Every structure is written in structure tokens, then in C-alpha cells.
Amino acid sequence: MITQREIDFWLNNETEIAYDCIEITHPSFSKSYRFVRNYPDTLIVTHEDGNKYSYEYCPFTLQLSNSSDNLDQQLNIGIGEVGGELSSEILRLRNGSYSHIPPTLIYRVYTSNYLTEPLKVFDGLQIINAKRKKDAVVFTAQPKNLNNTETGIKYTLKSFPSLKGFI
């Protein structure tokens, strides 16, 4: 759902800047990673819980694959290597006791004049398909399978002979 604040920012803004922030967490990681891509220094913001957190500059690409109002929202992200830290964290994850749990990503957008509340939040995205490349880590983040409506019942002619008229 689009808020009035988002409408004002995207349509009536002439001076504010949107800061793209990502937070990556996992029980096997040595720390939570917080990166901002379009602010050249440490950015301190307030999360939804009221606590302040700092985001370090890191070059990354971010591509939204669907509409933001879609439950199947996906983010494709490429993060430039941060001193080899992410590569070693991926190895720690794969060799750790929590390897069955995917890392979690939260994407937040803040505006330059309002760092106390995010403009937009994509929360609880699971990182899938993480790949290490020479100078980067590339992955897709998507929500848990929330839009699953399977009933477990297979509709076959043997089980439901009255379906024959619809075939």
C-alpha cells in the first residue's frame, strides 16, 4: 500500500534523496551486515523498533523484479566484496549447524530529511541462490512462500467423474 509520504516524496520532491539500505542476517554470521549504496559515509537511521543502527557504504546493485504490492516480490542484488567478509560468511553458513535456514534480508528506503522512519520496508525476505563471484556476491531475495493455495487434493476423473463435462 502506498502512503501519502511516498506519493509526496516521489511526485513532489525536488531536494530529498532516497537512501537504499539492506540488512543481511543469519544465525551463523559473525554479525548483522547493514549496507547503504548511495551515501558515501556511515549512515545512522532509526528502525521500526525505535533503535538506531549504522549502515556502512558498500556498492551494490538492486533490481526489483515485480510490483511492490505483489506478494511474489523479488530483489536481485549484487554486492561488491567487502574485504572478503561475505564470502567467508557464506562458507561459515554452509558448514554451520544452521545451514538449513536461509539468510534473511530486509530492504529499507530512507529519505535524506527523514532518517527516523523508513519510507518503504521489504521485511523477512529469504536469500536464495547466493553465488560468489570474483569481486562480488550475487543473490536473489524473496518472501517465504506466502501465496501458496494448494489444497493437496488432485482433481482426477477417477476421483471426480463429474469433471468429465468440463474437459
Foldseek 3Di string as FASTA:
>chain_A
DADPVNCCCVPVDDDKDKWKKKWKDDPQAPDIAIATAPDQAWDWFAEPVRDIDIHGYWHKDWDWDDDPVDQFIKIKMKTFDDVCRVVVSVVSCCPDPNVVAFMWMKIFMCMPVHRHYTNDIDGGWGWPDWDDDDGIIITMTTHDPPPDDDPPDDDDCVVPVVCVVVD
